[in-house]
PDB file of N, CA and C in Angstrom:
ATOM      1  N   MET A   1       0.868  -1.318  -0.068  1.00  0.00           N
ATOM      2  CA  MET A   1       0.047   0.044   0.058  1.00  0.00           C
ATOM      3  C   MET A   1       0.840   1.254  -0.033  1.00  0.00           C
ATOM      4  N   ARG A   2       0.327   2.143  -0.636  1.00  0.00           N
ATOM      5  CA  ARG A   2       1.180   3.410  -0.726  1.00  0.00           C
ATOM      6  C   ARG A   2       0.635   4.365   0.407  1.00  0.00           C
ATOM      7  N   SER A   3       1.478   4.920   1.001  1.00  0.00           N
ATOM      8  CA  SER A   3       0.941   5.952   1.979  1.00  0.00           C
ATOM      9  C   SER A   3       1.079   7.419   1.447  1.00  0.00           C
ATOM     10  N   SER A   4       0.430   8.507   2.360  1.00  0.00           N
ATOM     11  CA  SER A   4       0.414   9.790   1.589  1.00  0.00           C
ATOM     12  C   SER A   4       1.506  10.407   1.622  1.00  0.00           C
ATOM     13  N   SER A   5       2.753   9.923   2.259  1.00  0.00           N
ATOM     14  CA  SER A   5       4.066  10.394   2.294  1.00  0.00           C
ATOM     15  C   SER A   5       4.875  10.236   0.764  1.00  0.00           C
ATOM     16  N   ASP A   6       4.358   9.173   0.351  1.00  0.00           N
ATOM     17  CA  ASP A   6       5.066   8.895  -0.992  1.00  0.00           C
ATOM     18  C   ASP A   6       4.985   9.869  -2.071  1.00  0.00           C
ATOM     19  N   SER A   7       6.207  10.366  -2.807  1.00  0.00           N
ATOM     20  CA  SER A   7       6.327  11.469  -3.584  1.00  0.00           C
ATOM     21  C   SER A   7       5.246  11.113  -5.029  1.00  0.00           C
ATOM     22  N   GLU A   8       4.568  11.770  -5.335  1.00  0.00           N
ATOM     23  CA  GLU A   8       3.404  11.512  -6.361  1.00  0.00           C
ATOM     24  C   GLU A   8       3.740  12.671  -7.427  1.00  0.00           C
ATOM     25  N   PRO A   9       3.694  12.299  -8.772  1.00  0.00           N
ATOM     26  CA  PRO A   9       3.955  13.385  -9.845  1.00  0.00           C
ATOM     27  C   PRO A   9       3.003  14.741  -9.569  1.00  0.00           C
ATOM     28  N   GLU A  10       3.434  15.705  -9.540  1.00  0.00           N
ATOM     29  CA  GLU A  10       2.649  17.071  -9.739  1.00  0.00           C
ATOM     30  C   GLU A  10       1.496  16.862 -10.556  1.00  0.00           C
ATOM     31  N   GLU A  11       0.404  17.624 -10.273  1.00  0.00           N
ATOM     32  CA  GLU A  11      -0.698  17.579 -10.918  1.00  0.00           C
ATOM     33  C   GLU A  11      -0.516  18.523 -12.277  1.00  0.00           C
ATOM     34  N   ASP A  12      -1.441  18.083 -13.285  1.00  0.00           N
ATOM     35  CA  ASP A  12      -1.108  18.459 -14.720  1.00  0.00           C
ATOM     36  C   ASP A  12      -1.548  19.893 -14.614  1.00  0.00           C
ATOM     37  N   PRO A  13      -0.608  20.986 -15.293  1.00  0.00           N
ATOM     38  CA  PRO A  13      -1.278  22.088 -15.531  1.00  0.00           C
ATOM     39  C   PRO A  13      -2.457  22.361 -16.260  1.00  0.00           C
ATOM     40  N   ALA A  14      -2.603  21.668 -17.148  1.00  0.00           N
ATOM     41  CA  ALA A  14      -3.945  21.824 -17.819  1.00  0.00           C
ATOM     42  C   ALA A  14      -5.092  21.107 -17.003  1.00  0.00           C
ATOM     43  N   LYS A  15      -4.914  20.242 -16.392  1.00  0.00           N
ATOM     44  CA  LYS A  15      -6.083  19.804 -15.405  1.00  0.00           C
ATOM     45  C   LYS A  15      -6.366  20.920 -14.463  1.00  0.00           C
ATOM     46  N   ARG A  16      -5.264  21.679 -13.894  1.00  0.00           N
ATOM     47  CA  ARG A  16      -5.488  22.877 -12.835  1.00  0.00           C
ATOM     48  C   ARG A  16      -6.375  23.994 -13.481  1.00  0.00           C
ATOM     49  N   ALA A  17      -5.778  24.126 -14.857  1.00  0.00           N
ATOM     50  CA  ALA A  17      -6.411  25.124 -15.618  1.00  0.00           C
ATOM     51  C   ALA A  17      -7.775  24.850 -15.635  1.00  0.00           C
ATOM     52  N   ALA A  18      -8.202  23.787 -16.061  1.00  0.00           N
ATOM     53  CA  ALA A  18      -9.488  23.290 -16.260  1.00  0.00           C
ATOM     54  C   ALA A  18     -10.473  23.502 -14.839  1.00  0.00           C
ATOM     55  N   TYR A  19      -9.987  23.250 -13.811  1.00  0.00           N
ATOM     56  CA  TYR A  19     -10.320  23.336 -12.539  1.00  0.00           C
ATOM     57  C   TYR A  19     -10.896  24.963 -12.271  1.00  0.00           C
ATOM     58  N   VAL A  20      -9.786  25.480 -12.704  1.00  0.00           N
ATOM     59  CA  VAL A  20      -9.949  27.037 -12.278  1.00  0.00           C
ATOM     60  C   VAL A  20     -11.049  27.508 -13.337  1.00  0.00           C
ATOM     61  N   ARG A  21     -11.116  27.135 -14.612  1.00  0.00           N
ATOM     62  CA  ARG A  21     -11.958  27.444 -15.509  1.00  0.00           C
ATOM     63  C   ARG A  21     -13.601  27.256 -15.264  1.00  0.00           C
ATOM     64  N   PHE A  22     -13.691  25.872 -14.702  1.00  0.00           N
ATOM     65  CA  PHE A  22     -14.968  25.451 -14.376  1.00  0.00           C
ATOM     66  C   PHE A  22     -15.518  26.145 -12.997  1.00  0.00           C
ATOM     67  N   SER A  23     -14.665  26.470 -12.191  1.00  0.00           N
ATOM     68  CA  SER A  23     -14.913  26.745 -11.002  1.00  0.00           C
ATOM     69  C   SER A  23     -15.264  28.534 -11.122  1.00  0.00           C
ATOM     70  N   THR A  24     -14.698  28.983 -11.874  1.00  0.00           N
ATOM     71  CA  THR A  24     -14.934  30.555 -12.214  1.00  0.00           C
ATOM     72  C   THR A  24     -16.596  30.693 -12.887  1.00  0.00           C
ATOM     73  N   LEU A  25     -16.671  29.587 -13.843  1.00  0.00           N
ATOM     74  CA  LEU A  25     -18.136  29.431 -14.555  1.00  0.00           C
ATOM     75  C   LEU A  25     -18.978  29.060 -13.520  1.00  0.00           C
ATOM     76  N   GLY A  26     -18.846  28.466 -12.493  1.00  0.00           N
ATOM     77  CA  GLY A  26     -19.693  28.235 -11.346  1.00  0.00           C
ATOM     78  C   GLY A  26     -20.092  29.618 -10.723  1.00  0.00           C
ATOM     79  N   PHE A  27     -18.992  30.156 -10.281  1.00  0.00           N
ATOM     80  CA  PHE A  27     -19.293  31.405  -9.502  1.00  0.00           C
ATOM     81  C   PHE A  27     -19.935  32.620 -10.583  1.00  0.00           C
ATOM     82  N   GLN A  28     -19.758  32.544 -11.927  1.00  0.00           N
ATOM     83  CA  GLN A  28     -20.468  33.508 -12.755  1.00  0.00           C
ATOM     84  C   GLN A  28     -21.816  33.028 -12.699  1.00  0.00           C
ATOM     85  N   VAL A  29     -22.375  31.750 -12.931  1.00  0.00           N
ATOM     86  CA  VAL A  29     -23.759  31.494 -12.949  1.00  0.00           C
ATOM     87  C   VAL A  29     -24.131  31.734 -11.640  1.00  0.00           C
ATOM     88  N   VAL A  30     -23.716  31.465 -10.597  1.00  0.00           N
ATOM     89  CA  VAL A  30     -24.581  31.573  -9.416  1.00  0.00           C
ATOM     90  C   VAL A  30     -24.613  33.216  -8.981  1.00  0.00           C
ATOM     91  N   ILE A  31     -23.613  33.787  -9.175  1.00  0.00           N
ATOM     92  CA  ILE A  31     -23.796  35.418  -9.034  1.00  0.00           C
ATOM     93  C   ILE A  31     -24.746  35.885  -9.780  1.00  0.00           C
ATOM     94  N   MET A  32     -24.799  35.765 -11.075  1.00  0.00           N
ATOM     95  CA  MET A  32     -25.710  36.284 -12.076  1.00  0.00           C
ATOM     96  C   MET A  32     -26.931  36.212 -11.584  1.00  0.00           C
ATOM     97  N   PHE A  33     -27.255  34.835 -11.182  1.00  0.00           N
ATOM     98  CA  PHE A  33     -28.421  34.084 -11.091  1.00  0.00           C
ATOM     99  C   PHE A  33     -29.160  35.168  -9.451  1.00  0.00           C
ATOM    100  N   ALA A  34     -28.301  35.294  -8.587  1.00  0.00           N
ATOM    101  CA  ALA A  34     -28.659  35.578  -7.298  1.00  0.00           C
ATOM    102  C   ALA A  34     -29.012  37.155  -7.271  1.00  0.00           C
ATOM    103  N   VAL A  35     -27.751  37.953  -8.216  1.00  0.00           N
ATOM    104  CA  VAL A  35     -28.153  39.307  -8.543  1.00  0.00           C
ATOM    105  C   VAL A  35     -29.332  39.406  -9.075  1.00  0.00           C
ATOM    106  N   LEU A  36     -29.749  38.905 -10.180  1.00  0.00           N
ATOM    107  CA  LEU A  36     -31.188  39.157 -10.946  1.00  0.00           C
ATOM    108  C   LEU A  36     -32.299  38.672 -10.363  1.00  0.00           C
ATOM    109  N   ALA A  37     -32.169  37.700  -9.307  1.00  0.00           N
ATOM    110  CA  ALA A  37     -33.222  37.458  -8.602  1.00  0.00           C
ATOM    111  C   ALA A  37     -33.659  38.057  -7.391  1.00  0.00           C
ATOM    112  N   MET A  38     -32.531  38.976  -6.769  1.00  0.00           N
ATOM    113  CA  MET A  38     -32.500  39.791  -5.799  1.00  0.00           C
ATOM    114  C   MET A  38     -32.954  41.139  -6.310  1.00  0.00           C
ATOM    115  N   GLY A  39     -32.499  41.409  -7.491  1.00  0.00           N
ATOM    116  CA  GLY A  39     -33.112  42.714  -8.173  1.00  0.00           C
ATOM    117  C   GLY A  39     -34.565  42.614  -8.671  1.00  0.00           C
ATOM    118  N   GLY A  40     -35.065  41.442  -8.510  1.00  0.00           N
ATOM    119  CA  GLY A  40     -36.390  41.098  -8.969  1.00  0.00           C
ATOM    120  C   GLY A  40     -37.143  41.567  -7.576  1.00  0.00           C
ATOM    121  N   ALA A  41     -36.913  41.029  -6.672  1.00  0.00           N
ATOM    122  CA  ALA A  41     -37.170  41.214  -5.315  1.00  0.00           C
ATOM    123  C   ALA A  41     -37.236  42.535  -4.969  1.00  0.00           C
ATOM    124  N   TRP A  42     -36.175  43.353  -5.190  1.00  0.00           N
ATOM    125  CA  TRP A  42     -36.197  44.519  -4.795  1.00  0.00           C
ATOM    126  C   TRP A  42     -37.069  45.365  -5.627  1.00  0.00           C
ATOM    127  N   LEU A  43     -37.518  44.805  -6.974  1.00  0.00           N
ATOM    128  CA  LEU A  43     -38.280  45.603  -7.690  1.00  0.00           C
ATOM    129  C   LEU A  43     -39.668  45.609  -7.226  1.00  0.00           C
ATOM    130  N   ASP A  44     -39.811  44.195  -6.624  1.00  0.00           N
ATOM    131  CA  ASP A  44     -41.148  44.138  -6.196  1.00  0.00           C
ATOM    132  C   ASP A  44     -41.536  44.929  -4.872  1.00  0.00           C
ATOM    133  N   ASP A  45     -40.522  45.197  -3.987  1.00  0.00           N
ATOM    134  CA  ASP A  45     -40.623  46.196  -2.807  1.00  0.00           C
ATOM    135  C   ASP A  45     -41.013  47.649  -3.431  1.00  0.00           C
ATOM    136  N   GLN A  46     -40.230  48.069  -4.570  1.00  0.00           N
ATOM    137  CA  GLN A  46     -40.267  49.480  -4.656  1.00  0.00           C
ATOM    138  C   GLN A  46     -41.672  49.727  -5.594  1.00  0.00           C
ATOM    139  N   ILE A  47     -42.007  48.877  -6.403  1.00  0.00           N
ATOM    140  CA  ILE A  47     -43.240  49.118  -7.115  1.00  0.00           C
ATOM    141  C   ILE A  47     -44.175  48.545  -6.688  1.00  0.00           C
ATOM    142  N   GLY A  48     -44.135  47.384  -5.932  1.00  0.00           N
ATOM    143  CA  GLY A  48     -45.410  46.746  -5.410  1.00  0.00           C
ATOM    144  C   GLY A  48     -46.132  45.865  -6.800  1.00  0.00           C
ATOM    145  N   ILE A  49     -45.083  44.914  -7.061  1.00  0.00           N
ATOM    146  CA  ILE A  49     -45.765  44.234  -8.397  1.00  0.00           C
ATOM    147  C   ILE A  49     -45.633  42.826  -7.965  1.00  0.00           C
ATOM    148  N   SER A  50     -45.431  42.524  -6.601  1.00  0.00           N
ATOM    149  CA  SER A  50     -45.047  41.015  -6.383  1.00  0.00           C
ATOM    150  C   SER A  50     -45.950  40.121  -7.123  1.00  0.00           C
ATOM    151  N   PRO A  51     -45.650  39.055  -7.118  1.00  0.00           N
ATOM    152  CA  PRO A  51     -44.208  38.469  -7.278  1.00  0.00           C
ATOM    153  C   PRO A  51     -43.686  38.735  -8.663  1.00  0.00           C
ATOM    154  N   TRP A  52     -44.112  39.278  -9.537  1.00  0.00           N
ATOM    155  CA  TRP A  52     -43.805  39.690 -10.906  1.00  0.00           C
ATOM    156  C   TRP A  52     -42.238  39.989 -11.231  1.00  0.00           C
ATOM    157  N   GLY A  53     -41.938  40.819 -10.083  1.00  0.00           N
ATOM    158  CA  GLY A  53     -40.612  41.356 -10.067  1.00  0.00           C
ATOM    159  C   GLY A  53     -39.692  39.994 -10.078  1.00  0.00           C
ATOM    160  N   THR A  54     -39.778  39.262  -8.878  1.00  0.00           N
ATOM    161  CA  THR A  54     -38.952  38.218  -8.558  1.00  0.00           C
ATOM    162  C   THR A  54     -38.891  37.060  -9.759  1.00  0.00           C
ATOM    163  N   LEU A  55     -40.192  36.794 -10.271  1.00  0.00           N
ATOM    164  CA  LEU A  55     -40.369  35.958 -11.229  1.00  0.00           C
ATOM    165  C   LEU A  55     -39.695  36.419 -12.594  1.00  0.00           C
ATOM    166  N   GLY A  56     -39.678  37.718 -12.999  1.00  0.00           N
ATOM    167  CA  GLY A  56     -38.845  38.307 -13.996  1.00  0.00           C
ATOM    168  C   GLY A  56     -37.411  38.287 -13.654  1.00  0.00           C
ATOM    169  N   GLY A  57     -37.173  38.440 -12.553  1.00  0.00           N
ATOM    170  CA  GLY A  57     -35.354  38.372 -12.180  1.00  0.00           C
ATOM    171  C   GLY A  57     -34.673  36.929 -12.467  1.00  0.00           C
ATOM    172  N   VAL A  58     -35.843  36.101 -11.793  1.00  0.00           N
ATOM    173  CA  VAL A  58     -35.354  34.654 -11.903  1.00  0.00           C
ATOM    174  C   VAL A  58     -35.530  34.040 -13.369  1.00  0.00           C
ATOM    175  N   GLY A  59     -36.273  34.528 -13.921  1.00  0.00           N
ATOM    176  CA  GLY A  59     -36.270  34.149 -15.548  1.00  0.00           C
ATOM    177  C   GLY A  59     -35.358  34.776 -16.293  1.00  0.00           C
ATOM    178  N   LEU A  60     -34.829  36.035 -16.021  1.00  0.00           N
ATOM    179  CA  LEU A  60     -33.692  36.605 -16.705  1.00  0.00           C
ATOM    180  C   LEU A  60     -32.360  35.823 -16.200  1.00  0.00           C
ATOM    181  N   GLY A  61     -32.447  35.483 -14.760  1.00  0.00           N
ATOM    182  CA  GLY A  61     -31.326  34.829 -14.350  1.00  0.00           C
ATOM    183  C   GLY A  61     -30.909  33.399 -14.925  1.00  0.00           C
ATOM    184  N   LEU A  62     -32.419  32.822 -15.379  1.00  0.00           N
ATOM    185  CA  LEU A  62     -32.138  31.737 -16.200  1.00  0.00           C
ATOM    186  C   LEU A  62     -31.430  31.710 -17.466  1.00  0.00           C
ATOM    187  N   VAL A  63     -32.037  32.767 -18.165  1.00  0.00           N
ATOM    188  CA  VAL A  63     -31.526  33.107 -19.493  1.00  0.00           C
ATOM    189  C   VAL A  63     -30.159  33.439 -19.427  1.00  0.00           C
ATOM    190  N   ALA A  64     -29.833  34.379 -18.420  1.00  0.00           N
ATOM    191  CA  ALA A  64     -27.921  34.520 -18.281  1.00  0.00           C
ATOM    192  C   ALA A  64     -27.425  33.123 -18.095  1.00  0.00           C
ATOM    193  N   MET A  65     -27.781  32.551 -17.387  1.00  0.00           N
ATOM    194  CA  MET A  65     -27.216  31.188 -16.962  1.00  0.00           C
ATOM    195  C   MET A  65     -26.751  30.368 -18.260  1.00  0.00           C
ATOM    196  N   VAL A  66     -27.973  30.273 -19.225  1.00  0.00           N
ATOM    197  CA  VAL A  66     -27.710  29.660 -20.400  1.00  0.00           C
ATOM    198  C   VAL A  66     -26.911  30.027 -21.280  1.00  0.00           C
ATOM    199  N   LYS A  67     -27.148  31.325 -21.292  1.00  0.00           N
ATOM    200  CA  LYS A  67     -26.021  32.171 -22.173  1.00  0.00           C
ATOM    201  C   LYS A  67     -24.706  31.816 -21.844  1.00  0.00           C
ATOM    202  N   ILE A  68     -24.569  31.842 -20.633  1.00  0.00           N
ATOM    203  CA  ILE A  68     -23.112  31.601 -19.883  1.00  0.00           C
ATOM    204  C   ILE A  68     -22.654  30.339 -20.373  1.00  0.00           C
ATOM    205  N   MET A  69     -23.453  29.355 -20.067  1.00  0.00           N
ATOM    206  CA  MET A  69     -22.988  27.909 -20.474  1.00  0.00           C
ATOM    207  C   MET A  69     -22.616  27.890 -22.025  1.00  0.00           C
ATOM    208  N   LEU A  70     -23.709  28.209 -22.732  1.00  0.00           N
ATOM    209  CA  LEU A  70     -23.516  28.126 -24.353  1.00  0.00           C
ATOM    210  C   LEU A  70     -22.218  28.751 -24.572  1.00  0.00           C
ATOM    211  N   ARG A  71     -21.997  30.072 -24.106  1.00  0.00           N
ATOM    212  CA  ARG A  71     -20.793  30.675 -24.509  1.00  0.00           C
ATOM    213  C   ARG A  71     -19.561  29.982 -24.049  1.00  0.00           C
ATOM    214  N   GLU A  72     -19.415  29.309 -22.874  1.00  0.00           N
ATOM    215  CA  GLU A  72     -18.646  28.396 -22.593  1.00  0.00           C
ATOM    216  C   GLU A  72     -18.355  26.899 -23.338  1.00  0.00           C
ATOM    217  N   GLY A  73     -19.477  26.516 -23.678  1.00  0.00           N
ATOM    218  CA  GLY A  73     -19.679  25.235 -24.719  1.00  0.00           C
ATOM    219  C   GLY A  73     -18.954  25.508 -26.048  1.00  0.00           C
ATOM    220  N   THR A  74     -19.162  26.731 -26.434  1.00  0.00           N
ATOM    221  CA  THR A  74     -18.883  27.012 -27.787  1.00  0.00           C
ATOM    222  C   THR A  74     -17.471  27.570 -28.005  1.00  0.00           C
ATOM    223  N   ASP A  75     -16.835  27.924 -26.823  1.00  0.00           N
ATOM    224  CA  ASP A  75     -15.480  28.653 -26.804  1.00  0.00           C
ATOM    225  C   ASP A  75     -14.386  27.522 -27.780  1.00  0.00           C
ATOM    226  N   HIS A  76     -13.937  28.235 -28.825  1.00  0.00           N
ATOM    227  CA  HIS A  76     -13.298  27.598 -29.625  1.00  0.00           C
ATOM    228  C   HIS A  76     -11.586  27.859 -29.399  1.00  0.00           C
ATOM    229  N   ARG A  77     -11.186  27.130 -28.478  1.00  0.00           N
ATOM    230  CA  ARG A  77      -9.680  27.168 -28.070  1.00  0.00           C
ATOM    231  C   ARG A  77      -9.033  26.401 -29.012  1.00  0.00           C
ATOM    232  N   PRO A  78      -7.428  26.532 -29.336  1.00  0.00           N
ATOM    233  CA  PRO A  78      -6.854  25.961 -30.215  1.00  0.00           C
ATOM    234  C   PRO A  78      -6.668  24.730 -29.695  1.00  0.00           C
ATOM    235  N   SER A  79      -6.582  23.597 -30.356  1.00  0.00           N
ATOM    236  CA  SER A  79      -6.469  22.350 -29.949  1.00  0.00           C
ATOM    237  C   SER A  79      -5.001  21.984 -30.181  1.00  0.00           C
ATOM    238  N   GLU A  80      -4.381  20.991 -29.220  1.00  0.00           N
ATOM    239  CA  GLU A  80      -2.928  20.670 -29.109  1.00  0.00           C
ATOM    240  C   GLU A  80      -2.761  19.623 -30.465  1.00  0.00           C
ATOM    241  N   ASN A  81      -3.690  19.222 -31.075  1.00  0.00           N
ATOM    242  CA  ASN A  81      -3.461  18.398 -32.196  1.00  0.00           C
ATOM    243  C   ASN A  81      -3.252  18.996 -33.637  1.00  0.00           C
ATOM    244  N   ARG A  82      -3.859  20.280 -33.526  1.00  0.00           N
ATOM    245  CA  ARG A  82      -3.492  21.236 -34.852  1.00  0.00           C
ATOM    246  C   ARG A  82      -2.186  21.350 -35.330  1.00  0.00           C
ATOM    247  N   SER A  83      -2.183  21.426 -36.649  1.00  0.00           N
ATOM    248  CA  SER A  83      -0.606  21.925 -36.784  1.00  0.00           C
ATOM    249  C   SER A  83      -0.739  23.521 -36.802  1.00  0.00           C
ATOM    250  N   GLU A  84       0.329  23.953 -37.097  1.00  0.00           N
ATOM    251  CA  GLU A  84       0.620  25.171 -37.103  1.00  0.00           C
ATOM    252  C   GLU A  84       0.291  25.978 -38.381  1.00  0.00           C
ATOM    253  N   SER A  85       0.300  25.246 -39.460  1.00  0.00           N
ATOM    254  CA  SER A  85       0.074  25.775 -40.678  1.00  0.00           C
ATOM    255  C   SER A  85      -1.299  26.462 -41.118  1.00  0.00           C
ATOM    256  N   SER A  86      -1.346  27.236 -41.852  1.00  0.00           N
ATOM    257  CA  SER A  86      -2.609  27.877 -42.092  1.00  0.00           C
ATOM    258  C   SER A  86      -3.443  27.215 -43.122  1.00  0.00           C
ATOM    259  N   GLU A  87      -2.697  26.441 -43.763  1.00  0.00           N
ATOM    260  CA  GLU A  87      -3.581  25.673 -45.040  1.00  0.00           C
ATOM    261  C   GLU A  87      -4.248  24.616 -44.663  1.00  0.00           C
ATOM    262  N   PRO A  88      -5.435  24.345 -44.886  1.00  0.00           N
ATOM    263  CA  PRO A  88      -6.126  23.147 -44.739  1.00  0.00           C
ATOM    264  C   PRO A  88      -5.464  21.676 -45.218  1.00  0.00           C
ATOM    265  N   SER A  89      -5.503  20.802 -44.428  1.00  0.00           N
ATOM    266  CA  SER A  89      -5.139  19.408 -45.044  1.00  0.00           C
ATOM    267  C   SER A  89      -6.079  18.959 -46.195  1.00  0.00           C
ATOM    268  N   ALA A  90      -5.561  17.906 -46.881  1.00  0.00           N
ATOM    269  CA  ALA A  90      -6.221  17.583 -47.932  1.00  0.00           C
ATOM    270  C   ALA A  90      -7.550  17.012 -47.659  1.00  0.00           C
ATOM    271  N   SER A  91      -7.909  16.464 -46.603  1.00  0.00           N
ATOM    272  CA  SER A  91      -9.089  15.876 -46.209  1.00  0.00           C
ATOM    273  C   SER A  91     -10.005  17.385 -45.703  1.00  0.00           C
ATOM    274  N   ASP A  92      -9.549  18.300 -45.243  1.00  0.00           N
ATOM    275  CA  ASP A  92     -10.522  19.470 -45.269  1.00  0.00           C
ATOM    276  C   ASP A  92     -10.689  20.354 -46.328  1.00  0.00           C
ATOM    277  N   LYS A  93     -10.231  19.949 -47.234  1.00  0.00           N
ATOM    278  CA  LYS A  93     -10.412  21.013 -48.623  1.00  0.00           C
ATOM    279  C   LYS A  93     -11.971  20.385 -49.152  1.00  0.00           C
ATOM    280  N   ASP A  94     -12.561  21.526 -49.706  1.00  0.00           N
ATOM    281  CA  ASP A  94     -13.770  21.221 -50.239  1.00  0.00           C
ATOM    282  C   ASP A  94     -13.904  20.540 -51.641  1.00  0.00           C
ATOM    283  N   ASP A  95     -14.734  19.775 -51.950  1.00  0.00           N
ATOM    284  CA  ASP A  95     -14.653  19.090 -53.107  1.00  0.00           C
ATOM    285  C   ASP A  95     -15.665  19.561 -54.290  1.00  0.00           C
ATOM    286  N   SER A  96     -16.028  20.854 -53.937  1.00  0.00           N
ATOM    287  CA  SER A  96     -17.073  21.535 -54.585  1.00  0.00           C
ATOM    288  C   SER A  96     -16.635  21.746 -55.965  1.00  0.00           C
ATOM    289  N   GLU A  97     -15.471  22.049 -56.072  1.00  0.00           N
ATOM    290  CA  GLU A  97     -14.666  22.456 -57.730  1.00  0.00           C
ATOM    291  C   GLU A  97     -14.867  21.257 -58.487  1.00  0.00           C
ATOM    292  N   GLU A  98     -14.566  20.219 -57.929  1.00  0.00           N
ATOM    293  CA  GLU A  98     -14.547  18.538 -58.773  1.00  0.00           C
ATOM    294  C   GLU A  98     -16.263  18.618 -59.189  1.00  0.00           C
ATOM    295  N   ALA A  99     -17.154  19.097 -58.410  1.00  0.00           N
ATOM    296  CA  ALA A  99     -18.466  18.741 -58.588  1.00  0.00           C
ATOM    297  C   ALA A  99     -18.891  19.747 -60.176  1.00  0.00           C
ATOM    298  N   ILE A 100     -18.096  20.952 -59.989  1.00  0.00           N
ATOM    299  CA  ILE A 100     -18.807  21.908 -61.155  1.00  0.00           C
ATOM    300  C   ILE A 100     -18.338  21.259 -62.425  1.00  0.00           C
ATOM    301  N   GLU A 101     -16.970  20.878 -62.650  1.00  0.00           N
ATOM    302  CA  GLU A 101     -16.599  20.410 -63.863  1.00  0.00           C
ATOM    303  C   GLU A 101     -17.136  19.263 -64.543  1.00  0.00           C
TER     304      GLU A 101
END
């Protein structure tokens, strides 16, 4: 059995970066939702339109959460597997020119 004092390899920097990225995403989602929900509750107290302000704030919070998640999911970061050249490979080229002839 291994003890906790055994030297283990250091954690991968890419793995640490992913943890930071997802924790930041979590904070963005929670803070955005909380701020919009509390803003809606404040609007209810100021205008007297209870519960519509809170419901509107919660609805906007849900929309903001989806937008943040979609933005993070479609984030196109450069892949390690891609080559440095800007020219497409033979498999990436469009065959439309051949179809015209």
